[in-house]
Amino acid sequence: MKNIQLKRLAAAVILGLCVNAAMIPENVYANNMETAVKQDMRGNVNWTKGSQANVTALGIGLPPENAGARGTALARRAAIVDAYRSLAETINGIQIDGDTVMEDLTIASDTVRAQVSALVKGATIIDEGSNLDGSYYVEMSVPLYGKTGSLAAIAFPQMKAGDKEQAASAVGQTSLSAQEVGELRKVAYTGVVIDASGLGLSPTFSPVIYDINGRAIYGVRNIDRDLAISQGMVEYSNDLQAATGGDTRAGENPLVIKAQLVKGGKNSINKVNVVVSVEDGDRILIADEETAVLNNGSVVFVK
């Protein structure tokens, strides 16, 4: 355990050094390093913005004493450095799947670490300004999804499909009545909404829908890889009514399923996967046979 912690600490330090070495502006620490930068780590992963989901971080910089007219410029540069650090820290903690966080990938691969560093260095400033106390704030953002220049574009190529659960491709024998099966096939469902509200679901890049017998209903094998990178495997919502109102990727006529529970991966307790009843698993697969809602990623998780 100690070795793992030391490796993770080393990866975080290396990533921070890579970011800082390339991006600290000249003279950012001029005159007084301790007062030039105020460490104020504030990062947030905005999972509920659909394909526009992003990671944001706020950096705060203080001007050196007796800096005069240059104080604001130095404080701004310091705030940018602080925001880079906060972005790197927040990205490291993002859950890739039930067992893996982004930090694990940066530990395992120099290439991934370099890609994350480049992503942070290319962050967009979305807000900035002076505070009343003389400090300066800068808010920066990087996208979660997108074919290029996103965290998903880095993470998904590292996910080996062979290591993930084989998702069910069709319904075999089912306990659903023939009448219900016929009715399900007649309905042109536009997507699937899994209501996991109140269960403590955590977002991730690669969630799985299981039934209570352990059958994988939906996973990374179901969706086109390019689509998952550009928009994510699922869309997350905080409100069931909003998720079923036609303004999400589940469309205007989604199949709504209540999750039985949420769970982690094989070796973790991170509650990123949802579990439905066997019958509801069959309902999802039958709906998918008719409209390919899983392959299209027309899935919304309500958390």
Protein backbone atom coordinates (compact mmCIF):
# COMPACT_ATOMS: atom_id res chain seq x y z
CA MET A 1 0.00 0.00 0.00
CA LYS A 2 2.85 2.36 0.88
CA ASN A 3 4.51 1.71 -2.49
CA ILE A 4 1.29 2.50 -4.35
CA GLN A 5 0.87 5.75 -2.44
CA LEU A 6 4.47 6.73 -3.14
CA LYS A 7 4.01 6.00 -6.87
CA ARG A 8 0.85 8.08 -6.99
CA LEU A 9 2.54 10.94 -5.17
CA ALA A 10 5.44 10.75 -7.61
CA ALA A 11 3.07 10.83 -10.61
CA ALA A 12 1.27 13.87 -9.24
CA VAL A 13 4.57 15.65 -8.62
CA ILE A 14 5.87 14.81 -12.10
CA LEU A 15 2.66 15.97 -13.76
CA GLY A 16 2.77 19.18 -11.76
CA LEU A 17 6.39 19.78 -12.73
CA CYS A 18 5.61 19.14 -16.41
CA VAL A 19 2.78 21.67 -16.31
CA ASN A 20 4.67 24.27 -14.31
CA ALA A 21 7.95 24.01 -16.22
CA ALA A 22 6.24 24.73 -19.52
CA MET A 23 3.66 27.24 -18.41
CA ILE A 24 4.97 29.43 -15.57
CA PRO A 25 5.31 32.85 -17.21
CA GLU A 26 8.61 34.65 -16.95
CA ASN A 27 9.04 36.50 -13.65
CA VAL A 28 5.82 35.10 -12.20
CA TYR A 29 7.58 34.71 -8.88
CA ALA A 30 9.40 38.03 -9.15
CA ASN A 31 10.47 39.72 -5.94
CA ASN A 32 8.69 37.46 -3.48
CA MET A 33 7.72 33.87 -4.35
CA GLU A 34 5.75 33.26 -1.16
CA THR A 35 3.45 36.23 -1.64
CA ALA A 36 3.23 36.01 -5.43
CA VAL A 37 1.12 32.84 -5.39
CA LYS A 38 -1.67 31.86 -3.07
CA GLN A 39 -2.51 28.15 -3.24
CA ASP A 40 -6.30 27.99 -3.40
CA MET A 41 -7.18 24.67 -5.06
CA ARG A 42 -10.71 24.82 -6.41
CA GLY A 43 -11.54 22.35 -9.13
CA ASN A 44 -14.84 20.99 -10.36
CA VAL A 45 -15.90 18.31 -12.88
CA ASN A 46 -19.14 19.37 -14.53
CA TRP A 47 -20.56 16.01 -15.61
CA THR A 48 -24.16 17.23 -16.10
CA LYS A 49 -23.42 19.42 -19.13
CA GLY A 50 -23.83 16.59 -21.63
CA SER A 51 -21.34 16.63 -24.49
CA GLN A 52 -20.20 20.04 -23.20
CA ALA A 53 -19.07 18.58 -19.87
CA ASN A 54 -15.82 20.06 -18.68
CA VAL A 55 -13.32 20.43 -15.87
CA THR A 56 -12.93 23.90 -14.39
CA ALA A 57 -10.50 25.28 -11.85
CA LEU A 58 -10.05 28.61 -10.12
CA GLY A 59 -6.62 30.08 -9.50
CA ILE A 60 -5.83 32.94 -7.12
CA GLY A 61 -2.72 35.13 -7.32
CA LEU A 62 -1.43 37.81 -4.96
CA PRO A 63 0.80 40.65 -6.09
CA PRO A 64 4.27 40.93 -4.54
CA GLU A 65 4.74 43.67 -1.98
CA ASN A 66 5.76 47.04 -3.39
CA ALA A 67 5.08 45.83 -6.94
CA GLY A 68 3.43 49.09 -7.89
CA ALA A 69 1.85 49.25 -11.32
CA ARG A 70 3.14 45.77 -12.18
CA GLY A 71 1.23 44.21 -9.26
CA THR A 72 -1.91 43.26 -11.17
CA ALA A 73 0.04 41.71 -14.04
CA LEU A 74 2.14 39.63 -11.64
CA ALA A 75 -0.94 38.59 -9.66
CA ARG A 76 -2.64 37.48 -12.88
CA ARG A 77 0.33 35.37 -13.90
CA ALA A 78 0.39 33.80 -10.46
CA ALA A 79 -3.35 33.06 -10.69
CA ILE A 80 -2.83 31.29 -14.01
CA VAL A 81 -0.16 29.05 -12.49
CA ASP A 82 -2.45 28.31 -9.55
CA ALA A 83 -5.29 27.39 -11.94
CA TYR A 84 -3.02 25.01 -13.87
CA ARG A 85 -2.10 23.26 -10.64
CA SER A 86 -5.71 22.97 -9.58
CA LEU A 87 -6.72 21.60 -12.99
CA ALA A 88 -3.99 18.95 -12.83
CA GLU A 89 -5.04 17.94 -9.32
CA THR A 90 -8.73 17.70 -10.28
CA ILE A 91 -8.03 15.73 -13.46
CA ASN A 92 -5.95 13.21 -11.53
CA GLY A 93 -8.99 12.31 -9.43
CA ILE A 94 -11.46 11.77 -12.28
CA GLN A 95 -12.93 8.27 -12.34
CA ILE A 96 -12.24 6.44 -15.62
CA ASP A 97 -14.21 3.32 -14.67
CA GLY A 98 -15.11 1.43 -11.51
CA ASP A 99 -11.50 0.59 -10.70
CA THR A 100 -9.38 3.28 -12.32
CA VAL A 101 -8.83 7.00 -11.85
CA MET A 102 -6.93 9.25 -14.23
CA GLU A 103 -3.97 9.29 -11.88
CA ASP A 104 -3.53 5.55 -12.41
CA LEU A 105 -3.11 6.12 -16.14
CA THR A 106 -0.55 8.88 -15.64
CA ILE A 107 1.44 6.60 -13.32
CA ALA A 108 1.43 3.78 -15.84
CA SER A 109 2.27 5.76 -18.98
CA ASP A 110 4.69 8.58 -19.74
CA THR A 111 2.68 9.22 -22.91
CA VAL A 112 -0.55 9.72 -20.98
CA ARG A 113 1.20 11.98 -18.50
CA ALA A 114 2.55 14.11 -21.35
CA GLN A 115 -0.89 14.25 -22.99
CA VAL A 116 -2.57 15.36 -19.75
CA SER A 117 0.13 17.98 -19.26
CA ALA A 118 -0.47 19.31 -22.78
CA LEU A 119 -4.23 19.36 -22.18
CA VAL A 120 -3.78 21.41 -19.02
CA LYS A 121 -1.38 23.78 -20.75
CA GLY A 122 -4.00 24.35 -23.46
CA ALA A 123 -6.77 25.20 -20.98
CA THR A 124 -9.12 28.05 -21.87
CA ILE A 125 -9.57 31.06 -19.60
CA ILE A 126 -13.31 31.46 -19.11
CA ASP A 127 -13.33 34.17 -16.46
CA GLU A 128 -10.85 36.45 -14.74
CA GLY A 129 -10.69 39.64 -12.75
CA SER A 130 -9.42 41.51 -9.70
CA ASN A 131 -10.67 40.94 -6.18
CA LEU A 132 -11.24 43.69 -3.64
CA ASP A 133 -8.32 42.48 -1.54
CA GLY A 134 -5.90 43.11 -4.40
CA SER A 135 -5.66 39.47 -5.47
CA TYR A 136 -6.46 38.29 -8.98
CA TYR A 137 -8.56 35.29 -9.99
CA VAL A 138 -8.48 33.22 -13.17
CA GLU A 139 -10.97 30.44 -13.97
CA MET A 140 -9.85 27.92 -16.58
CA SER A 141 -11.54 25.04 -18.38
CA VAL A 142 -10.69 21.89 -20.34
CA PRO A 143 -13.31 19.71 -22.09
CA LEU A 144 -14.18 16.22 -20.89
CA TYR A 145 -15.35 15.14 -24.35
CA GLY A 146 -14.30 15.79 -27.92
CA LYS A 147 -12.55 13.84 -30.69
CA THR A 148 -9.35 15.79 -30.03
CA GLY A 149 -8.09 18.00 -27.23
CA SER A 150 -10.24 16.42 -24.53
CA LEU A 151 -9.73 14.20 -21.52
CA ALA A 152 -11.86 11.46 -23.13
CA ALA A 153 -9.56 11.45 -26.16
CA ILE A 154 -6.72 10.60 -23.78
CA ALA A 155 -8.55 8.15 -21.52
CA PHE A 156 -10.56 5.99 -23.92
CA PRO A 157 -7.63 4.69 -26.01
CA GLN A 158 -6.14 3.38 -22.75
CA MET A 159 -9.22 1.30 -21.98
CA LYS A 160 -8.84 -2.22 -23.27
CA ALA A 161 -12.20 -3.63 -24.26
CA GLY A 162 -10.98 -7.13 -23.58
CA ASP A 163 -10.51 -6.26 -19.93
CA LYS A 164 -14.08 -5.06 -19.54
CA GLU A 165 -17.26 -7.00 -19.03
CA GLN A 166 -18.84 -8.51 -22.11
CA ALA A 167 -22.16 -6.71 -22.43
CA ALA A 168 -25.19 -8.77 -23.40
CA SER A 169 -26.08 -8.35 -27.07
CA ALA A 170 -29.55 -9.87 -27.13
CA VAL A 171 -32.29 -11.24 -24.92
CA GLY A 172 -32.39 -14.99 -24.60
CA GLN A 173 -35.11 -16.54 -22.53
CA THR A 174 -37.05 -13.95 -20.57
CA SER A 175 -39.63 -13.98 -17.81
CA LEU A 176 -41.45 -11.12 -19.51
CA SER A 177 -44.79 -12.08 -21.00
CA ALA A 178 -45.08 -12.44 -24.75
CA GLN A 179 -47.58 -9.59 -24.70
CA GLU A 180 -45.15 -7.22 -22.98
CA VAL A 181 -42.33 -8.21 -25.29
CA GLY A 182 -44.57 -7.47 -28.26
CA GLU A 183 -45.52 -4.09 -26.82
CA LEU A 184 -41.88 -3.20 -26.15
CA ARG A 185 -41.01 -3.98 -29.75
CA LYS A 186 -43.79 -1.73 -31.03
CA VAL A 187 -42.62 1.33 -29.13
CA ALA A 188 -39.97 3.45 -30.82
CA TYR A 189 -37.98 4.35 -27.72
CA THR A 190 -35.63 7.26 -28.23
CA GLY A 191 -33.32 6.38 -25.35
CA VAL A 192 -32.95 4.89 -21.90
CA VAL A 193 -33.10 6.78 -18.61
CA ILE A 194 -31.78 5.03 -15.52
CA ASP A 195 -33.13 6.63 -12.36
CA ALA A 196 -30.43 6.15 -9.71
CA SER A 197 -31.40 9.21 -7.71
CA GLY A 198 -30.70 8.99 -4.00
CA LEU A 199 -28.37 5.97 -4.36
CA GLY A 200 -25.07 7.84 -4.27
CA LEU A 201 -24.07 7.32 -7.91
CA SER A 202 -20.71 8.80 -8.93
CA PRO A 203 -20.03 9.80 -12.57
CA THR A 204 -17.36 8.11 -14.66
CA PHE A 205 -16.19 7.86 -18.27
CA SER A 206 -17.06 4.16 -18.54
CA PRO A 207 -20.12 3.11 -16.49
CA VAL A 208 -21.78 -0.28 -16.74
CA ILE A 209 -25.44 -1.24 -16.41
CA TYR A 210 -25.73 -4.64 -14.71
CA ASP A 211 -28.71 -6.70 -13.74
CA ILE A 212 -28.89 -8.16 -10.23
CA ASN A 213 -27.49 -11.47 -11.51
CA GLY A 214 -24.33 -9.76 -12.72
CA ARG A 215 -25.16 -9.70 -16.42
CA ALA A 216 -23.70 -6.63 -18.12
CA ILE A 217 -26.49 -4.92 -20.07
CA TYR A 218 -24.56 -1.87 -21.24
CA GLY A 219 -20.84 -1.16 -21.23
CA VAL A 220 -17.95 0.11 -23.29
CA ARG A 221 -18.48 -2.66 -25.88
CA ASN A 222 -21.96 -1.42 -26.74
CA ILE A 223 -21.12 2.06 -27.95
CA ASP A 224 -19.10 3.28 -30.89
CA ARG A 225 -15.69 4.35 -29.50
CA ASP A 226 -15.58 7.64 -31.44
CA LEU A 227 -19.05 8.51 -30.19
CA ALA A 228 -18.04 7.79 -26.59
CA ILE A 229 -15.05 10.10 -26.97
CA SER A 230 -17.04 12.91 -28.58
CA GLN A 231 -20.07 12.87 -26.26
CA GLY A 232 -19.53 10.33 -23.47
CA MET A 233 -21.12 6.92 -22.88
CA VAL A 234 -23.94 8.42 -20.83
CA GLU A 235 -25.32 11.82 -20.04
CA TYR A 236 -25.71 12.64 -16.35
CA SER A 237 -28.62 14.55 -14.89
CA ASN A 238 -29.60 15.67 -11.42
CA ASP A 239 -33.34 15.65 -12.11
CA LEU A 240 -35.58 12.85 -13.41
CA GLN A 241 -38.15 15.21 -14.89
CA ALA A 242 -35.47 17.08 -16.81
CA ALA A 243 -33.93 13.80 -17.99
CA THR A 244 -37.24 12.62 -19.48
CA GLY A 245 -38.43 15.96 -20.82
CA GLY A 246 -36.93 15.65 -24.29
CA ASP A 247 -33.96 17.95 -23.80
CA THR A 248 -31.40 15.22 -23.15
CA ARG A 249 -29.90 12.61 -25.45
CA ALA A 250 -32.58 10.15 -24.27
CA GLY A 251 -35.06 12.06 -26.42
CA GLU A 252 -38.77 12.61 -26.04
CA ASN A 253 -39.82 8.99 -25.51
CA PRO A 254 -37.27 7.24 -23.31
CA LEU A 255 -37.60 3.90 -21.55
CA VAL A 256 -37.39 4.83 -17.88
CA ILE A 257 -35.86 2.25 -15.53
CA LYS A 258 -35.44 2.47 -11.78
CA ALA A 259 -32.04 1.31 -10.56
CA GLN A 260 -32.03 -1.22 -7.73
CA LEU A 261 -28.64 -0.13 -6.43
CA VAL A 262 -25.26 1.24 -7.49
CA LYS A 263 -21.90 -0.44 -7.09
CA GLY A 264 -18.19 -0.15 -7.78
CA GLY A 265 -15.93 -2.21 -9.96
CA LYS A 266 -14.35 -5.56 -9.22
CA ASN A 267 -11.69 -4.05 -6.99
CA SER A 268 -13.24 -0.83 -5.77
CA ILE A 269 -16.09 0.67 -3.79
CA ASN A 270 -16.54 3.63 -6.13
CA LYS A 271 -20.26 3.59 -6.94
CA VAL A 272 -20.12 4.31 -10.66
CA ASN A 273 -22.15 1.38 -12.05
CA VAL A 274 -25.92 0.88 -11.84
CA VAL A 275 -27.79 -2.35 -11.18
CA VAL A 276 -31.31 -3.04 -12.48
CA SER A 277 -33.64 -6.00 -12.15
CA VAL A 278 -33.31 -8.93 -14.55
CA GLU A 279 -36.63 -8.01 -16.12
CA ASP A 280 -35.61 -4.39 -16.61
CA GLY A 281 -32.35 -5.58 -18.14
CA ASP A 282 -34.41 -7.54 -20.66
CA ARG A 283 -36.55 -4.48 -21.33
CA ILE A 284 -33.48 -2.38 -22.12
CA LEU A 285 -32.08 -5.01 -24.49
CA ILE A 286 -35.42 -5.42 -26.28
CA ALA A 287 -35.69 -1.66 -26.74
CA ASP A 288 -32.13 -1.62 -28.07
CA GLU A 289 -32.91 -4.34 -30.62
CA GLU A 290 -35.50 -2.06 -32.19
CA THR A 291 -33.80 1.34 -32.07
CA ALA A 292 -30.07 0.79 -31.22
CA VAL A 293 -30.32 3.24 -28.33
CA LEU A 294 -27.31 1.67 -26.60
CA ASN A 295 -25.00 1.77 -29.61
CA ASN A 296 -26.00 5.39 -30.13
CA GLY A 297 -25.23 6.24 -26.52
CA SER A 298 -28.78 7.52 -25.96
CA VAL A 299 -28.50 6.79 -22.25
CA VAL A 300 -29.03 9.13 -19.31
CA PHE A 301 -28.19 8.40 -15.67
CA VAL A 302 -30.06 10.38 -13.03
CA LYS A 303 -27.95 10.72 -9.92
